C-alpha atoms as a PDB file:
ATOM      1  CA  MET A   1      -0.023  -0.080   0.032  1.00  0.00           C
ATOM      2  CA  SER A   2       1.189   3.533  -0.648  1.00  0.00           C
ATOM      3  CA  PRO A   3       2.815   5.676   1.986  1.00  0.00           C
ATOM      4  CA  ASP A   4       0.518   8.463   0.365  1.00  0.00           C
ATOM      5  CA  ILE A   5      -2.460   7.486   2.284  1.00  0.00           C
ATOM      6  CA  LEU A   6      -2.478   9.006   6.048  1.00  0.00           C
ATOM      7  CA  ILE A   7      -4.859   7.539   8.780  1.00  0.00           C
ATOM      8  CA  ILE A   8      -4.659   8.074  12.392  1.00  0.00           C
ATOM      9  CA  ARG A   9      -6.583   6.979  15.371  1.00  0.00           C
ATOM     10  CA  GLU A  10      -9.316   9.241  16.658  1.00  0.00           C
ATOM     11  CA  GLY A  11     -11.497   8.295  19.506  1.00  0.00           C
ATOM     12  CA  ASP A  12     -13.735   5.226  18.548  1.00  0.00           C
ATOM     13  CA  GLY A  13     -12.590   5.079  15.129  1.00  0.00           C
ATOM     14  CA  TYR A  14     -10.270   6.325  12.586  1.00  0.00           C
ATOM     15  CA  ARG A  15      -9.590   9.554  10.519  1.00  0.00           C
ATOM     16  CA  LEU A  16      -8.276   9.675   6.737  1.00  0.00           C
ATOM     17  CA  LEU A  17      -6.120  12.880   6.779  1.00  0.00           C
ATOM     18  CA  HIS A  18      -4.738  12.391   3.268  1.00  0.00           C
ATOM     19  CA  GLY A  19      -5.091  10.084   0.069  1.00  0.00           C
ATOM     20  CA  HIS A  20      -8.862   9.551  -0.137  1.00  0.00           C
ATOM     21  CA  LEU A  21      -8.674   9.371  -3.896  1.00  0.00           C
ATOM     22  CA  HIS A  22      -5.880   6.949  -3.645  1.00  0.00           C
ATOM     23  CA  LEU A  23      -7.706   4.744  -1.174  1.00  0.00           C
ATOM     24  CA  VAL A  24     -10.832   4.757  -3.401  1.00  0.00           C
ATOM     25  CA  SER A  25      -8.657   3.848  -6.168  1.00  0.00           C
ATOM     26  CA  GLU A  26      -6.922   0.862  -4.530  1.00  0.00           C
ATOM     27  CA  LEU A  27     -10.192  -0.442  -3.134  1.00  0.00           C
ATOM     28  CA  ARG A  28     -11.992  -0.349  -6.740  1.00  0.00           C
ATOM     29  CA  MET A  29      -9.136  -2.886  -7.511  1.00  0.00           C
ATOM     30  CA  SER A  30      -9.777  -5.146  -4.798  1.00  0.00           C
ATOM     31  CA  ASN A  31     -12.164  -5.979  -1.838  1.00  0.00           C
ATOM     32  CA  ALA A  32      -9.799  -4.564   0.828  1.00  0.00           C
ATOM     33  CA  VAL A  33      -6.576  -3.090   1.312  1.00  0.00           C
ATOM     34  CA  PHE A  34      -3.714  -2.888   4.050  1.00  0.00           C
ATOM     35  CA  VAL A  35      -2.639   0.393   5.226  1.00  0.00           C
ATOM     36  CA  GLU A  36       0.191   0.948   7.829  1.00  0.00           C
ATOM     37  CA  ILE A  37      -0.818   3.101  10.704  1.00  0.00           C
ATOM     38  CA  LYS A  38       1.597   4.548  13.277  1.00  0.00           C
ATOM     39  CA  ASP A  39       1.697   2.452  16.606  1.00  0.00           C
ATOM     40  CA  GLU A  40      -0.734  -0.210  15.383  1.00  0.00           C
ATOM     41  CA  GLY A  41       0.906  -1.664  12.344  1.00  0.00           C
ATOM     42  CA  LYS A  42      -0.881  -2.780   9.056  1.00  0.00           C
ATOM     43  CA  VAL A  43      -4.611  -2.525   9.203  1.00  0.00           C
ATOM     44  CA  ARG A  44      -7.360  -3.873   6.950  1.00  0.00           C
ATOM     45  CA  ILE A  45      -9.577  -1.241   5.164  1.00  0.00           C
ATOM     46  CA  ALA A  46     -12.786  -2.358   3.520  1.00  0.00           C
ATOM     47  CA  TRP A  47     -15.551  -0.302   1.786  1.00  0.00           C
ATOM     48  CA  THR A  48     -19.351  -1.446   2.423  1.00  0.00           C
ATOM     49  CA  GLY A  49     -22.536   0.341   1.675  1.00  0.00           C
ATOM     50  CA  GLY A  50     -22.300   1.865   4.927  1.00  0.00           C
ATOM     51  CA  GLY A  51     -18.848   3.597   4.314  1.00  0.00           C
ATOM     52  CA  PHE A  52     -15.156   2.838   5.112  1.00  0.00           C
ATOM     53  CA  PHE A  53     -14.221   0.418   7.850  1.00  0.00           C
ATOM     54  CA  VAL A  54     -10.862  -0.422   9.443  1.00  0.00           C
ATOM     55  CA  GLY A  55     -10.528  -3.981  10.808  1.00  0.00           C
ATOM     56  CA  GLU A  56     -12.119  -7.433  10.526  1.00  0.00           C
ATOM     57  CA  GLY A  57     -14.740  -9.553  11.969  1.00  0.00           C
ATOM     58  CA  ASN A  58     -16.473  -7.950  14.971  1.00  0.00           C
ATOM     59  CA  ARG A  59     -13.827  -5.435  15.389  1.00  0.00           C
ATOM     60  CA  LYS A  60     -14.772  -3.111  12.591  1.00  0.00           C
ATOM     61  CA  LEU A  61     -14.365   0.716  13.362  1.00  0.00           C
ATOM     62  CA  PRO A  62     -15.427   3.448  11.158  1.00  0.00           C
ATOM     63  CA  LEU A  63     -12.969   5.563   8.908  1.00  0.00           C
ATOM     64  CA  ARG A  64     -13.944   9.136   8.655  1.00  0.00           C
ATOM     65  CA  ALA A  65     -12.731  11.564   6.061  1.00  0.00           C
ATOM     66  CA  ASN A  66     -12.455  15.206   6.442  1.00  0.00           C
END
């Protein structure tokens, strides 16, 4: 995954600070992508009809964009 995507942990979810178009482009090619988040390592990002989510299974947290 590209380092052009910047995501941080924010409260009960995550915030996409930079790279929204790049993330959408990557997700169009696959169901999910992995992004490196500081202090957490690689996390899985997926898009559903309800928006972007970080994590898998029962541990899915929302990804909010600016």
